[in-house]
Amino acid sequence: KHMVTGYDHLLFLFGVIFFLYRLKHIATYV
């Protein structure tokens, strides 16, 4: 619940994956 409603986390992750297209790259950063 904390992560799903954590706007600060979600905004940061949104920025992190914005220009990531491959799942392996997304998995690495996450």
Full PDB file with SEQRES, HELIX, SHEET, SSBOND, CRYST1, ORIGX, SCALE, CONECT and MASTER records, all heavy atoms in Angstrom:
SEQRES   1 A   30  LYS HIS MET VAL THR GLY TYR ASP HIS LEU LEU PHE LEU          
SEQRES   2 A   30  PHE GLY VAL ILE PHE PHE LEU TYR ARG LEU LYS HIS ILE          
SEQRES   3 A   30  ALA THR TYR VAL                                              
HELIX    1 AA1 TYR A    7  ILE A   17  1                                  11    
HELIX    2 AA2 LEU A   23  TYR A   29  1                                   7    
CRYST1    1.000    1.000    1.000  90.00  90.00  90.00 P 1           1          
ORIGX1      1.000000  0.000000  0.000000        0.00000                         
ORIGX2      0.000000  1.000000  0.000000        0.00000                         
ORIGX3      0.000000  0.000000  1.000000        0.00000                         
SCALE1      1.000000  0.000000  0.000000        0.00000                         
SCALE2      0.000000  1.000000  0.000000        0.00000                         
SCALE3      0.000000  0.000000  1.000000        0.00000                         
ATOM      1  N   LYS A   1       0.833  -1.201   0.000  1.00  0.00           N  
ATOM      2  CA  LYS A   1       0.000   0.000   0.000  1.00  0.00           C  
ATOM      3  C   LYS A   1       0.868   1.252   0.000  1.00  0.00           C  
ATOM      4  O   LYS A   1       0.576   2.232  -0.700  1.00  0.00           O  
ATOM      5  CB  LYS A   1      -0.923  -0.001   1.218  1.00  0.00           C  
ATOM      6  CG  LYS A   1      -1.834   1.216   1.310  1.00  0.00           C  
ATOM      7  CD  LYS A   1      -2.709   1.137   2.557  1.00  0.00           C  
ATOM      8  CE  LYS A   1      -3.589   2.384   2.675  1.00  0.00           C  
ATOM      9  NZ  LYS A   1      -4.417   2.327   3.910  1.00  0.00           N  
ATOM     10  N   HIS A   2       1.943   1.215   0.785  1.00  0.00           N  
ATOM     11  CA  HIS A   2       2.853   2.366   0.840  1.00  0.00           C  
ATOM     12  C   HIS A   2       3.423   2.682  -0.532  1.00  0.00           C  
ATOM     13  O   HIS A   2       3.491   3.850  -0.935  1.00  0.00           O  
ATOM     14  CB  HIS A   2       3.994   2.088   1.821  1.00  0.00           C  
ATOM     15  CG  HIS A   2       5.144   3.035   1.681  1.00  0.00           C  
ATOM     16  ND1 HIS A   2       5.069   4.348   2.085  1.00  0.00           N  
ATOM     17  CD2 HIS A   2       6.386   2.875   1.165  1.00  0.00           C  
ATOM     18  CE1 HIS A   2       6.220   4.958   1.820  1.00  0.00           C  
ATOM     19  NE2 HIS A   2       7.030   4.085   1.265  1.00  0.00           N  
ATOM     20  N   MET A   3       3.829   1.657  -1.271  1.00  0.00           N  
ATOM     21  CA  MET A   3       4.435   1.908  -2.576  1.00  0.00           C  
ATOM     22  C   MET A   3       3.395   2.347  -3.595  1.00  0.00           C  
ATOM     23  O   MET A   3       3.620   3.292  -4.368  1.00  0.00           O  
ATOM     24  CB  MET A   3       5.158   0.649  -3.073  1.00  0.00           C  
ATOM     25  CG  MET A   3       5.804   0.821  -4.440  1.00  0.00           C  
ATOM     26  SD  MET A   3       6.951   2.205  -4.549  1.00  0.00           S  
ATOM     27  CE  MET A   3       8.359   1.541  -3.640  1.00  0.00           C  
ATOM     28  N   VAL A   4       2.245   1.709  -3.618  1.00  0.00           N  
ATOM     29  CA  VAL A   4       1.222   2.031  -4.615  1.00  0.00           C  
ATOM     30  C   VAL A   4       0.703   3.453  -4.420  1.00  0.00           C  
ATOM     31  O   VAL A   4       0.365   4.143  -5.390  1.00  0.00           O  
ATOM     32  CB  VAL A   4       0.065   1.009  -4.550  1.00  0.00           C  
ATOM     33  CG1 VAL A   4      -1.104   1.456  -5.408  1.00  0.00           C  
ATOM     34  CG2 VAL A   4       0.554  -0.363  -5.014  1.00  0.00           C  
ATOM     35  N   THR A   5       0.615   3.919  -3.169  1.00  0.00           N  
ATOM     36  CA  THR A   5       0.116   5.271  -2.886  1.00  0.00           C  
ATOM     37  C   THR A   5       1.246   6.267  -2.664  1.00  0.00           C  
ATOM     38  O   THR A   5       0.987   7.431  -2.359  1.00  0.00           O  
ATOM     39  CB  THR A   5      -0.795   5.260  -1.643  1.00  0.00           C  
ATOM     40  OG1 THR A   5      -0.052   4.791  -0.499  1.00  0.00           O  
ATOM     41  CG2 THR A   5      -2.002   4.364  -1.860  1.00  0.00           C  
ATOM     42  N   GLY A   6       2.492   5.829  -2.799  1.00  0.00           N  
ATOM     43  CA  GLY A   6       3.636   6.704  -2.547  1.00  0.00           C  
ATOM     44  C   GLY A   6       3.936   7.563  -3.757  1.00  0.00           C  
ATOM     45  O   GLY A   6       4.701   7.169  -4.647  1.00  0.00           O  
ATOM     46  N   TYR A   7       3.327   8.745  -3.825  1.00  0.00           N  
ATOM     47  CA  TYR A   7       3.473   9.614  -4.986  1.00  0.00           C  
ATOM     48  C   TYR A   7       4.928   9.974  -5.263  1.00  0.00           C  
ATOM     49  O   TYR A   7       5.330  10.116  -6.419  1.00  0.00           O  
ATOM     50  CB  TYR A   7       2.653  10.894  -4.788  1.00  0.00           C  
ATOM     51  CG  TYR A   7       2.957  11.594  -3.485  1.00  0.00           C  
ATOM     52  CD1 TYR A   7       3.976  12.534  -3.395  1.00  0.00           C  
ATOM     53  CD2 TYR A   7       2.227  11.290  -2.337  1.00  0.00           C  
ATOM     54  CE1 TYR A   7       4.273  13.152  -2.204  1.00  0.00           C  
ATOM     55  CE2 TYR A   7       2.518  11.906  -1.142  1.00  0.00           C  
ATOM     56  CZ  TYR A   7       3.543  12.837  -1.070  1.00  0.00           C  
ATOM     57  OH  TYR A   7       3.853  13.441   0.123  1.00  0.00           O  
ATOM     58  N   ASP A   8       5.743  10.137  -4.211  1.00  0.00           N  
ATOM     59  CA  ASP A   8       7.142  10.504  -4.425  1.00  0.00           C  
ATOM     60  C   ASP A   8       7.903   9.366  -5.104  1.00  0.00           C  
ATOM     61  O   ASP A   8       8.682   9.584  -6.042  1.00  0.00           O  
ATOM     62  CB  ASP A   8       7.822  10.902  -3.109  1.00  0.00           C  
ATOM     63  CG  ASP A   8       7.573   9.894  -1.988  1.00  0.00           C  
ATOM     64  OD1 ASP A   8       6.840   8.901  -2.201  1.00  0.00           O  
ATOM     65  OD2 ASP A   8       8.117  10.101  -0.881  1.00  0.00           O  
ATOM     66  N   HIS A   9       7.670   8.129  -4.649  1.00  0.00           N  
ATOM     67  CA  HIS A   9       8.295   6.969  -5.288  1.00  0.00           C  
ATOM     68  C   HIS A   9       7.862   6.842  -6.744  1.00  0.00           C  
ATOM     69  O   HIS A   9       8.681   6.601  -7.640  1.00  0.00           O  
ATOM     70  CB  HIS A   9       7.926   5.675  -4.556  1.00  0.00           C  
ATOM     71  CG  HIS A   9       8.380   5.626  -3.130  1.00  0.00           C  
ATOM     72  ND1 HIS A   9       9.652   5.935  -2.737  1.00  0.00           N  
ATOM     73  CD2 HIS A   9       7.715   5.288  -2.002  1.00  0.00           C  
ATOM     74  CE1 HIS A   9       9.763   5.802  -1.421  1.00  0.00           C  
ATOM     75  NE2 HIS A   9       8.595   5.406  -0.964  1.00  0.00           N  
ATOM     76  N   LEU A  10       6.554   6.988  -6.967  1.00  0.00           N  
ATOM     77  CA  LEU A  10       6.016   6.776  -8.309  1.00  0.00           C  
ATOM     78  C   LEU A  10       6.510   7.836  -9.281  1.00  0.00           C  
ATOM     79  O   LEU A  10       6.802   7.535 -10.451  1.00  0.00           O  
ATOM     80  CB  LEU A  10       4.481   6.767  -8.261  1.00  0.00           C  
ATOM     81  CG  LEU A  10       3.856   5.642  -7.422  1.00  0.00           C  
ATOM     82  CD1 LEU A  10       2.335   5.728  -7.472  1.00  0.00           C  
ATOM     83  CD2 LEU A  10       4.328   4.276  -7.906  1.00  0.00           C  
ATOM     84  N   LEU A  11       6.603   9.074  -8.833  1.00  0.00           N  
ATOM     85  CA  LEU A  11       7.119  10.128  -9.696  1.00  0.00           C  
ATOM     86  C   LEU A  11       8.570   9.853 -10.078  1.00  0.00           C  
ATOM     87  O   LEU A  11       8.971  10.031 -11.231  1.00  0.00           O  
ATOM     88  CB  LEU A  11       7.002  11.488  -9.007  1.00  0.00           C  
ATOM     89  CG  LEU A  11       5.596  12.087  -8.923  1.00  0.00           C  
ATOM     90  CD1 LEU A  11       5.612  13.344  -8.050  1.00  0.00           C  
ATOM     91  CD2 LEU A  11       5.035  12.406 -10.295  1.00  0.00           C  
ATOM     92  N   PHE A  12       9.366   9.415  -9.099  1.00  0.00           N  
ATOM     93  CA  PHE A  12      10.764   9.118  -9.385  1.00  0.00           C  
ATOM     94  C   PHE A  12      10.878   7.946 -10.360  1.00  0.00           C  
ATOM     95  O   PHE A  12      11.639   8.007 -11.340  1.00  0.00           O  
ATOM     96  CB  PHE A  12      11.506   8.802  -8.095  1.00  0.00           C  
ATOM     97  CG  PHE A  12      12.976   8.521  -8.294  1.00  0.00           C  
ATOM     98  CD1 PHE A  12      13.855   9.541  -8.623  1.00  0.00           C  
ATOM     99  CD2 PHE A  12      13.481   7.231  -8.151  1.00  0.00           C  
ATOM    100  CE1 PHE A  12      15.209   9.287  -8.824  1.00  0.00           C  
ATOM    101  CE2 PHE A  12      14.822   6.970  -8.338  1.00  0.00           C  
ATOM    102  CZ  PHE A  12      15.695   8.001  -8.674  1.00  0.00           C  
ATOM    103  N   LEU A  13      10.119   6.883 -10.116  1.00  0.00           N  
ATOM    104  CA  LEU A  13      10.175   5.723 -11.002  1.00  0.00           C  
ATOM    105  C   LEU A  13       9.672   6.069 -12.405  1.00  0.00           C  
ATOM    106  O   LEU A  13      10.194   5.564 -13.406  1.00  0.00           O  
ATOM    107  CB  LEU A  13       9.349   4.574 -10.414  1.00  0.00           C  
ATOM    108  CG  LEU A  13       9.961   3.873  -9.195  1.00  0.00           C  
ATOM    109  CD1 LEU A  13       8.990   2.846  -8.623  1.00  0.00           C  
ATOM    110  CD2 LEU A  13      11.277   3.203  -9.557  1.00  0.00           C  
ATOM    111  N   PHE A  14       8.669   6.928 -12.480  1.00  0.00           N  
ATOM    112  CA  PHE A  14       8.177   7.388 -13.776  1.00  0.00           C  
ATOM    113  C   PHE A  14       9.307   8.052 -14.560  1.00  0.00           C  
ATOM    114  O   PHE A  14       9.493   7.799 -15.755  1.00  0.00           O  
ATOM    115  CB  PHE A  14       7.021   8.368 -13.573  1.00  0.00           C  
ATOM    116  CG  PHE A  14       6.573   9.063 -14.836  1.00  0.00           C  
ATOM    117  CD1 PHE A  14       5.853   8.386 -15.804  1.00  0.00           C  
ATOM    118  CD2 PHE A  14       6.865  10.410 -15.037  1.00  0.00           C  
ATOM    119  CE1 PHE A  14       5.443   9.032 -16.969  1.00  0.00           C  
ATOM    120  CE2 PHE A  14       6.455  11.054 -16.194  1.00  0.00           C  
ATOM    121  CZ  PHE A  14       5.744  10.373 -17.155  1.00  0.00           C  
ATOM    122  N   GLY A  15      10.087   8.877 -13.860  1.00  0.00           N  
ATOM    123  CA  GLY A  15      11.221   9.524 -14.509  1.00  0.00           C  
ATOM    124  C   GLY A  15      12.302   8.535 -14.904  1.00  0.00           C  
ATOM    125  O   GLY A  15      12.901   8.649 -15.975  1.00  0.00           O  
ATOM    126  N   VAL A  16      12.536   7.551 -14.037  1.00  0.00           N  
ATOM    127  CA  VAL A  16      13.594   6.565 -14.299  1.00  0.00           C  
ATOM    128  C   VAL A  16      13.311   5.773 -15.562  1.00  0.00           C  
ATOM    129  O   VAL A  16      14.204   5.534 -16.382  1.00  0.00           O  
ATOM    130  CB  VAL A  16      13.763   5.625 -13.089  1.00  0.00           C  
ATOM    131  CG1 VAL A  16      14.623   4.410 -13.453  1.00  0.00           C  
ATOM    132  CG2 VAL A  16      14.400   6.368 -11.913  1.00  0.00           C  
ATOM    133  N   ILE A  17      12.075   5.343 -15.748  1.00  0.00           N  
ATOM    134  CA  ILE A  17      11.764   4.466 -16.881  1.00  0.00           C  
ATOM    135  C   ILE A  17      11.314   5.244 -18.121  1.00  0.00           C  
ATOM    136  O   ILE A  17      11.014   4.626 -19.140  1.00  0.00           O  
ATOM    137  CB  ILE A  17      10.668   3.441 -16.507  1.00  0.00           C  
ATOM    138  CG1 ILE A  17       9.321   4.144 -16.326  1.00  0.00           C  
ATOM    139  CG2 ILE A  17      11.068   2.654 -15.275  1.00  0.00           C  
ATOM    140  CD1 ILE A  17       8.158   3.195 -16.213  1.00  0.00           C  
ATOM    141  N   PHE A  18      11.300   6.568 -18.048  1.00  0.00           N  
ATOM    142  CA  PHE A  18      10.720   7.363 -19.126  1.00  0.00           C  
ATOM    143  C   PHE A  18      11.335   7.033 -20.484  1.00  0.00           C  
ATOM    144  O   PHE A  18      10.633   6.895 -21.482  1.00  0.00           O  
ATOM    145  CB  PHE A  18      10.889   8.852 -18.828  1.00  0.00           C  
ATOM    146  CG  PHE A  18      10.032   9.734 -19.685  1.00  0.00           C  
ATOM    147  CD1 PHE A  18       8.742  10.048 -19.309  1.00  0.00           C  
ATOM    148  CD2 PHE A  18      10.508  10.245 -20.884  1.00  0.00           C  
ATOM    149  CE1 PHE A  18       7.926  10.846 -20.110  1.00  0.00           C  
ATOM    150  CE2 PHE A  18       9.711  11.044 -21.690  1.00  0.00           C  
ATOM    151  CZ  PHE A  18       8.420  11.348 -21.307  1.00  0.00           C  
ATOM    152  N   PHE A  19      12.661   6.920 -20.537  1.00  0.00           N  
ATOM    153  CA  PHE A  19      13.334   6.627 -21.802  1.00  0.00           C  
ATOM    154  C   PHE A  19      13.947   5.229 -21.823  1.00  0.00           C  
ATOM    155  O   PHE A  19      14.871   4.965 -22.602  1.00  0.00           O  
ATOM    156  CB  PHE A  19      14.417   7.672 -22.078  1.00  0.00           C  
ATOM    157  CG  PHE A  19      13.874   9.009 -22.504  1.00  0.00           C  
ATOM    158  CD1 PHE A  19      14.166  10.149 -21.774  1.00  0.00           C  
ATOM    159  CD2 PHE A  19      13.061   9.121 -23.625  1.00  0.00           C  
ATOM    160  CE1 PHE A  19      13.664  11.378 -22.159  1.00  0.00           C  
ATOM    161  CE2 PHE A  19      12.557  10.350 -24.025  1.00  0.00           C  
ATOM    162  CZ  PHE A  19      12.863  11.493 -23.288  1.00  0.00           C  
ATOM    163  N   LEU A  20      13.451   4.328 -20.956  1.00  0.00           N  
ATOM    164  CA  LEU A  20      13.921   2.947 -20.971  1.00  0.00           C  
ATOM    165  C   LEU A  20      12.912   2.102 -21.746  1.00  0.00           C  
ATOM    166  O   LEU A  20      11.725   2.114 -21.455  1.00  0.00           O  
ATOM    167  CB  LEU A  20      14.071   2.403 -19.548  1.00  0.00           C  
ATOM    168  CG  LEU A  20      15.127   3.085 -18.669  1.00  0.00           C  
ATOM    169  CD1 LEU A  20      15.132   2.447 -17.280  1.00  0.00           C  
ATOM    170  CD2 LEU A  20      16.516   2.983 -19.290  1.00  0.00           C  
ATOM    171  N   TYR A  21      13.400   1.345 -22.731  1.00  0.00           N  
ATOM    172  CA  TYR A  21      12.513   0.581 -23.597  1.00  0.00           C  
ATOM    173  C   TYR A  21      12.643  -0.927 -23.397  1.00  0.00           C  
ATOM    174  O   TYR A  21      11.685  -1.659 -23.638  1.00  0.00           O  
ATOM    175  CB  TYR A  21      12.788   0.921 -25.066  1.00  0.00           C  
ATOM    176  CG  TYR A  21      12.413   2.345 -25.425  1.00  0.00           C  
ATOM    177  CD1 TYR A  21      13.307   3.381 -25.226  1.00  0.00           C  
ATOM    178  CD2 TYR A  21      11.158   2.636 -25.941  1.00  0.00           C  
ATOM    179  CE1 TYR A  21      12.965   4.691 -25.549  1.00  0.00           C  
ATOM    180  CE2 TYR A  21      10.800   3.938 -26.279  1.00  0.00           C  
ATOM    181  CZ  TYR A  21      11.710   4.962 -26.071  1.00  0.00           C  
ATOM    182  OH  TYR A  21      11.371   6.258 -26.381  1.00  0.00           O  
ATOM    183  N   ARG A  22      13.801  -1.392 -22.962  1.00  0.00           N  
ATOM    184  CA  ARG A  22      14.004  -2.827 -22.794  1.00  0.00           C  
ATOM    185  C   ARG A  22      13.727  -3.239 -21.347  1.00  0.00           C  
ATOM    186  O   ARG A  22      14.141  -2.568 -20.406  1.00  0.00           O  
ATOM    187  CB  ARG A  22      15.431  -3.212 -23.181  1.00  0.00           C  
ATOM    188  CG  ARG A  22      15.747  -2.979 -24.663  1.00  0.00           C  
ATOM    189  CD  ARG A  22      17.103  -3.521 -25.022  1.00  0.00           C  
ATOM    190  NE  ARG A  22      17.403  -3.365 -26.452  1.00  0.00           N  
ATOM    191  CZ  ARG A  22      18.516  -3.796 -27.027  1.00  0.00           C  
ATOM    192  NH1 ARG A  22      19.455  -4.409 -26.288  1.00  0.00           N  
ATOM    193  NH2 ARG A  22      18.705  -3.600 -28.310  1.00  0.00           N  
ATOM    194  N   LEU A  23      13.060  -4.378 -21.213  1.00  0.00           N  
ATOM    195  CA  LEU A  23      12.684  -4.842 -19.880  1.00  0.00           C  
ATOM    196  C   LEU A  23      13.896  -5.104 -18.994  1.00  0.00           C  
ATOM    197  O   LEU A  23      13.857  -4.866 -17.795  1.00  0.00           O  
ATOM    198  CB  LEU A  23      11.831  -6.109 -19.992  1.00  0.00           C  
ATOM    199  CG  LEU A  23      10.385  -5.908 -20.461  1.00  0.00           C  
ATOM    200  CD1 LEU A  23       9.676  -7.246 -20.560  1.00  0.00           C  
ATOM    201  CD2 LEU A  23       9.635  -4.979 -19.510  1.00  0.00           C  
ATOM    202  N   LYS A  24      15.003  -5.575 -19.591  1.00  0.00           N  
ATOM    203  CA  LYS A  24      16.180  -5.863 -18.774  1.00  0.00           C  
ATOM    204  C   LYS A  24      16.784  -4.584 -18.214  1.00  0.00           C  
ATOM    205  O   LYS A  24      17.309  -4.581 -17.090  1.00  0.00           O  
ATOM    206  CB  LYS A  24      17.219  -6.644 -19.579  1.00  0.00           C  
ATOM    207  CG  LYS A  24      17.857  -5.885 -20.740  1.00  0.00           C  
ATOM    208  CD  LYS A  24      18.936  -6.736 -21.402  1.00  0.00           C  
ATOM    209  CE  LYS A  24      19.647  -5.990 -22.533  1.00  0.00           C  
ATOM    210  NZ  LYS A  24      20.709  -6.828 -23.145  1.00  0.00           N  
ATOM    211  N   HIS A  25      16.690  -3.491 -18.965  1.00  0.00           N  
ATOM    212  CA  HIS A  25      17.180  -2.209 -18.465  1.00  0.00           C  
ATOM    213  C   HIS A  25      16.267  -1.686 -17.358  1.00  0.00           C  
ATOM    214  O   HIS A  25      16.737  -1.173 -16.339  1.00  0.00           O  
ATOM    215  CB  HIS A  25      17.266  -1.193 -19.607  1.00  0.00           C  
ATOM    216  CG  HIS A  25      18.282  -1.550 -20.635  1.00  0.00           C  
ATOM    217  ND1 HIS A  25      18.231  -1.068 -21.931  1.00  0.00           N  
ATOM    218  CD2 HIS A  25      19.376  -2.353 -20.586  1.00  0.00           C  
ATOM    219  CE1 HIS A  25      19.249  -1.536 -22.615  1.00  0.00           C  
ATOM    220  NE2 HIS A  25      19.953  -2.339 -21.825  1.00  0.00           N  
ATOM    221  N   ILE A  26      14.973  -1.814 -17.566  1.00  0.00           N  
ATOM    222  CA  ILE A  26      14.011  -1.395 -16.550  1.00  0.00           C  
ATOM    223  C   ILE A  26      14.222  -2.188 -15.266  1.00  0.00           C  
ATOM    224  O   ILE A  26      14.237  -1.634 -14.161  1.00  0.00           O  
ATOM    225  CB  ILE A  26      12.573  -1.577 -17.064  1.00  0.00           C  
ATOM    226  CG1 ILE A  26      12.304  -0.621 -18.229  1.00  0.00           C  
ATOM    227  CG2 ILE A  26      11.561  -1.350 -15.945  1.00  0.00           C  
ATOM    228  CD1 ILE A  26      10.995  -0.852 -18.937  1.00  0.00           C  
ATOM    229  N   ALA A  27      14.417  -3.502 -15.411  1.00  0.00           N  
ATOM    230  CA  ALA A  27      14.632  -4.366 -14.247  1.00  0.00           C  
ATOM    231  C   ALA A  27      15.891  -3.969 -13.489  1.00  0.00           C  
ATOM    232  O   ALA A  27      15.911  -3.973 -12.247  1.00  0.00           O  
ATOM    233  CB  ALA A  27      14.728  -5.826 -14.690  1.00  0.00           C  
ATOM    234  N   THR A  28      16.948  -3.601 -14.213  1.00  0.00           N  
ATOM    235  CA  THR A  28      18.198  -3.206 -13.564  1.00  0.00           C  
ATOM    236  C   THR A  28      18.000  -1.970 -12.698  1.00  0.00           C  
ATOM    237  O   THR A  28      18.397  -1.938 -11.526  1.00  0.00           O  
ATOM    238  CB  THR A  28      19.279  -2.917 -14.624  1.00  0.00           C  
ATOM    239  OG1 THR A  28      19.555  -4.112 -15.347  1.00  0.00           O  
ATOM    240  CG2 THR A  28      20.563  -2.414 -13.965  1.00  0.00           C  
ATOM    241  N   TYR A  29      17.369  -0.949 -13.248  1.00  0.00           N  
ATOM    242  CA  TYR A  29      17.191   0.305 -12.512  1.00  0.00           C  
ATOM    243  C   TYR A  29      16.216   0.144 -11.350  1.00  0.00           C  
ATOM    244  O   TYR A  29      16.436   0.679 -10.259  1.00  0.00           O  
ATOM    245  CB  TYR A  29      16.716   1.409 -13.459  1.00  0.00           C  
ATOM    246  CG  TYR A  29      17.827   2.012 -14.274  1.00  0.00           C  
ATOM    247  CD1 TYR A  29      18.180   1.473 -15.515  1.00  0.00           C  
ATOM    248  CD2 TYR A  29      18.544   3.101 -13.811  1.00  0.00           C  
ATOM    249  CE1 TYR A  29      19.212   2.014 -16.265  1.00  0.00           C  
ATOM    250  CE2 TYR A  29      19.576   3.657 -14.562  1.00  0.00           C  
ATOM    251  CZ  TYR A  29      19.908   3.102 -15.773  1.00  0.00           C  
ATOM    252  OH  TYR A  29      20.930   3.641 -16.512  1.00  0.00           O  
ATOM    253  N   VAL A  30      15.137  -0.590 -11.579  1.00  0.00           N  
ATOM    254  CA  VAL A  30      14.162  -0.796 -10.507  1.00  0.00           C  
ATOM    255  C   VAL A  30      14.782  -1.613  -9.371  1.00  0.00           C  
ATOM    256  O   VAL A  30      14.527  -1.360  -8.196  1.00  0.00           O  
ATOM    257  CB  VAL A  30      12.903  -1.491 -11.062  1.00  0.00           C  
ATOM    258  CG1 VAL A  30      11.970  -1.906  -9.934  1.00  0.00           C  
ATOM    259  CG2 VAL A  30      12.176  -0.559 -12.028  1.00  0.00           C  
TER     260      VAL A  30                                                      
MASTER        0    0    0    2    0    0    0    6  259    1    0    3          
END                                                                             
